[in-house]
């Protein structure tokens, strides 16, 4: 059956899988070994000099990791993929691969806090300049391009404001100027958005989130051309050591089998929760691309297959109201991260975006009382009832 005729759930279960040659195991084995034995010195030389022809040392790759990478590449319509030890490893490895000494990158003014720290605290040490732009403003992007620009980096949907960047429109600019466009598509997952199909060169995911879905793995993936992925593997993975373990690669593939059915439930619950919050008198604003009130709603409709389970909202009463709310939820868990099958809440200003100053956060719309919600796959009535009772506790405080 051709890829074009297969649905997402069928592809997730079957595409990219290989038959275990040793004993025919139905589920991909975990190759929990650090090194591999060669038949002779000639084979050792060949494989060490041609790592894509086999396996030598698990820091460079393993059979379990290799199958995961095949699956990611096929899901993202990419030539190749690289699995690494965390989402930040995927982001930094991709950015370093696309950089050069004395180079320049164009990046979003709203971005995950640790990515922002990489831009602010590490890249300048290596002579790489960064210009922040509103990625929804194409004129700003074009105006920011310099002779030494190498990369345009985009995060869509953005964390935590869920801003949506028009990938196709930005890719036309990057292609015209021979720049590498990298898209962090973590909030969407490959089930809802395929940046490479839309014109991007490289896509990265924190696989910790929706790809795994169960809160059991810290991992990241990069997908793009074979040339780009080969450069990311050698020398960056080779020397920086951001390797994914075979066990984590195995767990990640188990989680990915249900990505399609999970994302369907996340999308349905997410829209219902967003509509509830938008109508609640204690909520000032809801940031969810599935709502018509969201400024990027039309772009999201164009490039996404669903709106996902991520949102943020500003609660009346600011940080104190937010504290009461987050201390009052019972079904939702107050926890870092996102994309789990169970629902999570967090306070973006003091958790995911603590690296930014108050002034920097406010400039891009991250208010002190902003709560980020990762909507899980629980029964929707239970989720709304939990949010309702937590907001009732805020109301009782009479802030």
Protein backbone atom coordinates (compact mmCIF):
# COMPACT_ATOMS: atom_id res chain seq x y z
CA UNK A 1 0.00 0.00 0.00
CA UNK A 2 1.44 3.38 -0.97
CA UNK A 3 2.04 6.09 1.64
CA UNK A 4 -0.51 8.38 -0.06
CA UNK A 5 -3.26 5.78 0.42
CA UNK A 6 -2.50 5.03 4.05
CA UNK A 7 -4.14 6.94 6.89
CA UNK A 8 -2.17 8.42 9.79
CA UNK A 9 -3.00 5.68 12.29
CA UNK A 10 -2.00 2.95 9.83
CA UNK A 11 1.25 4.75 9.07
CA UNK A 12 2.03 5.18 12.78
CA UNK A 13 1.63 1.46 13.36
CA UNK A 14 3.34 0.08 10.28
CA UNK A 15 5.40 2.58 8.32
CA UNK A 16 9.15 2.49 8.86
CA UNK A 17 9.02 -0.74 10.87
CA UNK A 18 11.49 -3.47 10.06
CA UNK A 19 11.30 -7.19 10.77
CA UNK A 20 13.60 -8.40 13.52
CA UNK A 21 16.12 -10.56 11.65
CA UNK A 22 17.22 -12.49 14.74
CA UNK A 23 13.97 -14.02 15.98
CA UNK A 24 11.12 -12.21 14.24
CA UNK A 25 9.99 -10.17 17.27
CA UNK A 26 6.76 -8.32 16.52
CA UNK A 27 7.83 -5.24 18.53
CA UNK A 28 11.18 -3.62 17.74
CA UNK A 29 13.82 -4.95 20.16
CA UNK A 30 15.80 -2.78 22.56
CA UNK A 31 19.46 -3.04 21.58
CA UNK A 32 20.79 -2.17 25.04
CA UNK A 33 24.46 -2.25 24.20
CA UNK A 34 27.17 0.39 24.05
CA UNK A 35 29.28 -1.14 21.33
CA UNK A 36 29.16 -3.55 18.40
CA UNK A 37 31.56 -6.36 17.45
CA UNK A 38 33.18 -6.41 14.00
CA UNK A 39 34.01 -9.52 12.01
CA UNK A 40 37.38 -8.16 10.95
CA UNK A 41 39.49 -5.00 10.88
CA UNK A 42 38.40 -4.15 7.34
CA UNK A 43 34.75 -4.02 8.49
CA UNK A 44 35.75 -1.95 11.54
CA UNK A 45 37.48 0.62 9.34
CA UNK A 46 34.62 0.74 6.84
CA UNK A 47 31.90 1.26 9.46
CA UNK A 48 33.84 3.78 11.52
CA UNK A 49 34.38 5.85 8.40
CA UNK A 50 30.84 5.29 7.05
CA UNK A 51 28.55 5.41 10.07
CA UNK A 52 25.38 5.34 7.97
CA UNK A 53 26.25 1.83 6.75
CA UNK A 54 25.98 0.12 10.15
CA UNK A 55 26.60 0.48 13.87
CA UNK A 56 29.81 0.93 15.83
CA UNK A 57 29.01 2.75 19.08
CA UNK A 58 25.64 3.74 20.55
CA UNK A 59 26.64 7.39 20.99
CA UNK A 60 26.43 7.58 17.19
CA UNK A 61 23.32 5.43 16.80
CA UNK A 62 21.69 2.09 17.52
CA UNK A 63 19.31 -0.20 15.61
CA UNK A 64 16.46 0.89 17.91
CA UNK A 65 17.27 4.56 17.33
CA UNK A 66 17.62 3.94 13.60
CA UNK A 67 14.07 2.58 13.33
CA UNK A 68 12.72 5.55 15.31
CA UNK A 69 14.51 7.92 12.94
CA UNK A 70 13.06 6.15 9.91
CA UNK A 71 9.56 6.56 11.35
CA UNK A 72 10.06 10.26 12.11
CA UNK A 73 11.42 10.96 8.61
CA UNK A 74 8.43 9.26 7.01
CA UNK A 75 5.94 11.08 9.28
CA UNK A 76 7.49 14.46 8.43
CA UNK A 77 7.98 13.75 4.71
CA UNK A 78 11.72 14.26 5.20
CA UNK A 79 14.72 12.49 3.68
CA UNK A 80 16.20 11.67 7.07
CA UNK A 81 15.86 12.22 10.80
CA UNK A 82 18.02 12.26 13.91
CA UNK A 83 16.83 11.32 17.41
CA UNK A 84 18.58 12.98 20.36
CA UNK A 85 18.38 13.08 24.14
CA UNK A 86 15.96 16.00 24.64
CA UNK A 87 13.92 18.63 22.87
CA UNK A 88 16.53 21.26 23.68
CA UNK A 89 19.20 18.96 22.22
CA UNK A 90 17.16 18.85 19.01
CA UNK A 91 16.76 22.64 18.92
CA UNK A 92 20.38 23.49 19.71
CA UNK A 93 21.81 20.79 17.46
CA UNK A 94 19.69 21.95 14.53
CA UNK A 95 20.59 25.61 15.11
CA UNK A 96 24.30 24.88 15.43
CA UNK A 97 24.21 22.76 12.28
CA UNK A 98 22.72 25.68 10.34
CA UNK A 99 25.07 28.28 11.83
CA UNK A 100 28.50 29.54 10.93
CA UNK A 101 31.22 31.55 12.67
CA UNK A 102 30.18 35.18 12.75
CA UNK A 103 26.75 34.30 11.43
CA UNK A 104 23.34 35.74 12.09
CA UNK A 105 19.94 34.20 12.86
CA UNK A 106 16.42 35.58 12.70
CA UNK A 107 14.28 34.23 15.53
CA UNK A 108 10.80 34.83 17.02
CA UNK A 109 10.11 37.37 19.73
CA UNK A 110 7.97 34.72 21.45
CA UNK A 111 9.81 31.47 22.01
CA UNK A 112 10.23 28.76 24.66
CA UNK A 113 12.18 30.09 27.64
CA UNK A 114 15.15 27.70 27.39
CA UNK A 115 15.46 28.40 23.66
CA UNK A 116 15.51 32.09 24.52
CA UNK A 117 18.31 31.41 27.02
CA UNK A 118 20.28 29.67 24.26
CA UNK A 119 19.87 32.73 22.03
CA UNK A 120 20.79 35.19 24.78
CA UNK A 121 23.41 33.39 26.85
CA UNK A 122 25.23 30.97 24.55
CA UNK A 123 25.15 32.02 20.89
CA UNK A 124 26.76 35.44 21.57
CA UNK A 125 29.76 33.65 23.11
CA UNK A 126 30.44 32.10 19.71
CA UNK A 127 30.02 35.26 17.69
CA UNK A 128 26.54 34.40 16.39
CA UNK A 129 24.15 37.35 16.29
CA UNK A 130 20.40 37.06 16.79
CA UNK A 131 17.61 39.41 15.64
CA UNK A 132 14.16 39.03 17.19
CA UNK A 133 11.16 39.63 14.96
CA UNK A 134 7.43 39.14 14.96
CA UNK A 135 7.31 36.01 12.78
CA UNK A 136 3.84 36.97 11.61
CA UNK A 137 5.25 40.15 10.07
CA UNK A 138 6.88 39.17 6.77
CA UNK A 139 8.26 42.67 6.22
CA UNK A 140 10.11 42.46 9.55
CA UNK A 141 11.68 39.15 8.54
CA UNK A 142 12.83 40.49 5.17
CA UNK A 143 14.18 43.66 6.76
CA UNK A 144 16.20 41.64 9.28
CA UNK A 145 18.14 39.66 6.65
CA UNK A 146 21.86 40.48 6.49
CA UNK A 147 24.76 39.26 4.38
CA UNK A 148 25.78 36.86 7.16
CA UNK A 149 22.28 35.54 7.90
CA UNK A 150 22.12 31.74 7.81
CA UNK A 151 18.89 30.78 9.54
CA UNK A 152 15.29 31.73 10.17
CA UNK A 153 13.92 29.90 13.19
CA UNK A 154 10.19 29.63 13.86
CA UNK A 155 8.15 28.15 16.71
CA UNK A 156 4.55 27.45 15.69
CA UNK A 157 2.27 27.20 17.58
CA UNK A 158 4.36 29.40 19.88
CA UNK A 159 4.90 28.71 23.56
CA UNK A 160 2.95 30.00 25.51
CA UNK A 161 0.82 32.43 23.48
CA UNK A 162 -0.04 29.94 20.71
CA UNK A 163 0.82 32.45 17.99
CA UNK A 164 0.80 30.80 14.57
CA UNK A 165 3.39 31.57 11.90
CA UNK A 166 2.52 31.14 8.23
CA UNK A 167 5.20 28.57 7.38
CA UNK A 168 4.59 28.63 3.63
CA UNK A 169 4.85 32.43 3.46
CA UNK A 170 8.06 32.57 5.50
CA UNK A 171 9.59 29.71 3.49
CA UNK A 172 9.23 31.73 0.29
CA UNK A 173 11.44 34.41 1.87
CA UNK A 174 14.03 31.92 3.12
CA UNK A 175 14.23 30.11 -0.22
CA UNK A 176 14.61 33.37 -2.13
CA UNK A 177 17.54 34.30 0.13
CA UNK A 178 19.13 30.84 0.39
CA UNK A 179 18.50 30.61 4.15
CA UNK A 180 17.74 27.56 6.27
CA UNK A 181 14.25 27.60 7.79
CA UNK A 182 13.90 25.58 11.00
CA UNK A 183 10.46 25.04 12.57
CA UNK A 184 9.80 23.87 16.11
CA UNK A 185 6.49 22.04 15.66
CA UNK A 186 6.30 20.51 19.16
CA UNK A 187 2.87 21.94 20.06
CA UNK A 188 1.33 20.53 16.86
CA UNK A 189 3.10 17.17 16.45
CA UNK A 190 3.36 15.49 13.01
CA UNK A 191 -0.29 14.49 13.34
CA UNK A 192 -1.45 18.10 12.95
CA UNK A 193 1.29 19.90 11.02
CA UNK A 194 4.10 19.00 8.60
CA UNK A 195 6.41 22.02 8.17
CA UNK A 196 8.61 20.43 5.49
CA UNK A 197 5.57 19.85 3.30
CA UNK A 198 4.76 23.54 3.77
CA UNK A 199 8.25 24.64 2.63
CA UNK A 200 10.47 24.52 5.73
CA UNK A 201 13.90 22.91 5.49
CA UNK A 202 14.08 21.37 8.96
CA UNK A 203 11.56 20.47 11.66
CA UNK A 204 12.35 19.82 15.32
CA UNK A 205 10.22 18.37 18.10
CA UNK A 206 10.56 17.93 21.79
CA UNK A 207 9.55 14.27 21.56
CA UNK A 208 9.09 14.39 25.33
CA UNK A 209 5.72 15.95 24.60
CA UNK A 210 3.08 14.68 22.13
CA UNK A 211 5.25 12.15 20.31
CA UNK A 212 5.73 10.22 23.55
CA UNK A 213 2.46 11.32 25.13
CA UNK A 214 2.86 9.46 28.41
CA UNK A 215 5.41 11.48 30.36
CA UNK A 216 7.97 8.67 30.39
CA UNK A 217 10.69 9.89 28.01
CA UNK A 218 12.87 12.97 27.59
CA UNK A 219 13.88 13.07 23.91
CA UNK A 220 14.03 15.19 20.78
CA UNK A 221 14.00 14.68 17.02
CA UNK A 222 15.26 16.57 13.97
CA UNK A 223 14.01 15.90 10.43
CA UNK A 224 15.22 17.35 7.14
CA UNK A 225 17.44 16.57 4.17
CA UNK A 226 19.95 13.73 4.48
CA UNK A 227 22.73 16.26 4.01
CA UNK A 228 21.52 18.35 6.96
CA UNK A 229 20.90 15.33 9.22
CA UNK A 230 24.32 13.86 8.40
CA UNK A 231 25.94 17.16 9.43
CA UNK A 232 23.87 17.21 12.62
CA UNK A 233 25.06 13.69 13.48
CA UNK A 234 28.72 14.40 12.65
CA UNK A 235 30.24 16.42 14.20
CA UNK A 236 27.50 17.77 16.52
CA UNK A 237 26.00 14.60 17.97
CA UNK A 238 29.42 12.99 17.71
CA UNK A 239 31.14 15.64 19.84
CA UNK A 240 28.41 17.12 22.05
CA UNK A 241 27.01 13.71 22.98
CA UNK A 242 23.27 14.45 23.07
CA UNK A 243 22.51 10.78 22.45
CA UNK A 244 19.14 9.11 23.00
CA UNK A 245 19.31 5.76 24.78
CA UNK A 246 17.96 2.65 23.00
CA UNK A 247 15.41 2.21 25.80
CA UNK A 248 14.10 5.77 25.40
CA UNK A 249 13.92 5.32 21.62
CA UNK A 250 11.90 2.13 22.20
CA UNK A 251 9.53 3.84 24.66
CA UNK A 252 9.08 6.71 22.23
CA UNK A 253 8.07 4.37 19.41
CA UNK A 254 5.51 2.75 21.71
CA UNK A 255 4.00 6.15 22.46
CA UNK A 256 3.94 7.14 18.80
CA UNK A 257 1.71 4.19 17.90
CA UNK A 258 -1.25 6.03 19.48
CA UNK A 259 -0.33 9.57 18.39
CA UNK A 260 -3.23 9.82 15.93
CA UNK A 261 -5.98 8.73 18.31
CA UNK A 262 -4.49 10.79 21.14
CA UNK A 263 -4.28 13.97 19.07
CA UNK A 264 -7.90 13.57 18.00
CA UNK A 265 -8.94 13.50 21.66
CA UNK A 266 -6.59 16.38 22.55
CA UNK A 267 -8.11 18.51 19.78
CA UNK A 268 -11.72 17.76 20.77
CA UNK A 269 -11.10 18.40 24.47
CA UNK A 270 -8.91 21.43 23.75
CA UNK A 271 -11.61 23.23 21.78
CA UNK A 272 -14.25 22.46 24.42
CA UNK A 273 -12.03 23.75 27.24
CA UNK A 274 -11.08 26.87 25.27
CA UNK A 275 -14.75 27.70 24.63
CA UNK A 276 -15.57 27.21 28.30
CA UNK A 277 -12.74 29.48 29.43
CA UNK A 278 -13.56 32.14 26.83
CA UNK A 279 -17.08 32.45 28.24
CA UNK A 280 -16.05 32.48 31.91
CA UNK A 281 -16.37 35.90 33.62
CA UNK A 282 -13.05 35.50 35.50
CA UNK A 283 -11.04 34.93 32.30
CA UNK A 284 -9.75 38.01 30.47
CA UNK A 285 -8.41 36.28 27.37
CA UNK A 286 -7.87 32.79 25.97
CA UNK A 287 -4.96 32.00 23.63
CA UNK A 288 -6.08 29.04 21.49
CA UNK A 289 -5.81 28.95 17.67
CA UNK A 290 -9.07 27.04 17.36
CA UNK A 291 -11.05 30.04 18.58
CA UNK A 292 -12.16 32.59 16.00
CA UNK A 293 -11.02 35.28 18.42
CA UNK A 294 -7.41 34.13 18.09
CA UNK A 295 -5.51 36.48 15.73
CA UNK A 296 -3.85 33.54 13.93
CA UNK A 297 -7.01 31.45 13.58
CA UNK A 298 -7.18 31.62 9.77
CA UNK A 299 -3.52 30.69 9.34
CA UNK A 300 -3.98 27.77 11.73
CA UNK A 301 -6.96 26.57 9.71
CA UNK A 302 -4.86 26.70 6.55
CA UNK A 303 -1.77 24.82 7.72
CA UNK A 304 -2.91 22.59 10.58
CA UNK A 305 -5.11 19.49 10.58
CA UNK A 306 -6.41 20.33 14.05
CA UNK A 307 -5.81 22.91 16.76
CA UNK A 308 -4.31 20.68 19.45
CA UNK A 309 -4.64 20.60 23.19
CA UNK A 310 -2.42 23.53 24.19
CA UNK A 311 -3.68 26.94 25.31
CA UNK A 312 -3.00 29.76 27.72
CA UNK A 313 -5.37 32.15 29.44
CA UNK A 314 -5.15 35.36 31.44
CA UNK A 315 -7.07 35.17 34.68
CA UNK A 316 -8.57 38.28 36.30
CA UNK A 317 -6.73 39.08 39.52
CA UNK A 318 -3.26 38.49 38.12
CA UNK A 319 -0.65 36.32 39.78
CA UNK A 320 -2.54 35.88 43.06
CA UNK A 321 -5.63 34.65 41.23
CA UNK A 322 -3.41 32.34 39.18
CA UNK A 323 -1.89 30.87 42.33
CA UNK A 324 -5.29 30.15 43.83
CA UNK A 325 -6.47 28.57 40.59
CA UNK A 326 -3.42 26.34 40.20
CA UNK A 327 -3.52 25.29 43.85
CA UNK A 328 -7.20 24.37 43.50
CA UNK A 329 -7.27 22.07 40.48
CA UNK A 330 -7.83 18.38 41.26
CA UNK A 331 -7.97 16.57 37.89
CA UNK A 332 -5.37 18.82 36.27
CA UNK A 333 -1.83 18.47 37.67
CA UNK A 334 0.42 21.43 38.38
CA UNK A 335 3.52 20.29 36.54
CA UNK A 336 6.21 21.28 34.07
CA UNK A 337 6.00 19.98 30.50
CA UNK A 338 3.02 19.30 28.26
CA UNK A 339 1.52 16.89 25.76
CA UNK A 340 0.74 14.11 28.23
CA UNK A 341 -2.42 12.04 28.04
CA UNK A 342 -3.36 13.58 31.40
CA UNK A 343 -4.06 17.29 31.80
CA UNK A 344 -1.45 19.70 33.16
CA UNK A 345 -1.32 23.37 34.14
CA UNK A 346 1.65 25.63 34.76
CA UNK A 347 2.50 29.28 35.38
CA UNK A 348 4.50 30.40 32.34
CA UNK A 349 6.14 33.53 33.82
CA UNK A 350 7.74 31.61 36.71
CA UNK A 351 8.14 28.17 35.13
CA UNK A 352 8.69 27.75 31.37
CA UNK A 353 9.69 31.40 30.78
CA UNK A 354 11.50 32.35 33.98
CA UNK A 355 14.62 33.16 31.91
CA UNK A 356 12.87 36.24 30.56
CA UNK A 357 12.57 39.43 32.57
CA UNK A 358 9.12 40.81 33.46
CA UNK A 359 9.58 43.55 30.87
CA UNK A 360 10.59 41.07 28.16
CA UNK A 361 7.61 38.84 28.95
CA UNK A 362 5.10 41.67 28.98
CA UNK A 363 6.44 42.99 25.68
CA UNK A 364 5.42 39.75 23.93
CA UNK A 365 2.15 39.20 25.81
CA UNK A 366 3.14 36.86 28.64
CA UNK A 367 1.31 38.42 31.58
CA UNK A 368 1.96 37.71 35.25
CA UNK A 369 -1.38 35.96 35.69
CA UNK A 370 -1.10 33.83 32.56
CA UNK A 371 -1.77 30.11 33.00
CA UNK A 372 -0.74 27.56 30.37
CA UNK A 373 -2.96 24.51 30.00
CA UNK A 374 -2.11 21.18 28.40
CA UNK A 375 -5.49 19.51 27.90
CA UNK A 376 -5.40 15.73 28.19
CA UNK A 377 -7.72 12.99 27.02
CA UNK A 378 -9.85 12.65 30.17
CA UNK A 379 -13.65 12.87 29.93
CA UNK A 380 -14.44 16.44 29.00
CA UNK A 381 -17.11 16.93 31.66
CA UNK A 382 -14.58 16.08 34.36
CA UNK A 383 -12.08 18.58 32.96
CA UNK A 384 -14.59 21.42 32.73
CA UNK A 385 -15.98 20.67 36.18
CA UNK A 386 -12.47 20.81 37.61
CA UNK A 387 -11.70 24.14 35.93
CA UNK A 388 -15.06 25.50 37.09
CA UNK A 389 -14.51 24.60 40.74
CA UNK A 390 -10.96 26.01 40.67
CA UNK A 391 -12.25 29.29 39.23
CA UNK A 392 -14.94 29.31 41.93
CA UNK A 393 -12.13 29.29 44.50
CA UNK A 394 -10.69 32.36 42.81
CA UNK A 395 -14.06 34.04 42.98
CA UNK A 396 -14.34 33.31 46.72
CA UNK A 397 -11.04 35.11 47.31
CA UNK A 398 -12.63 38.34 46.04
CA UNK A 399 -9.32 39.73 44.81
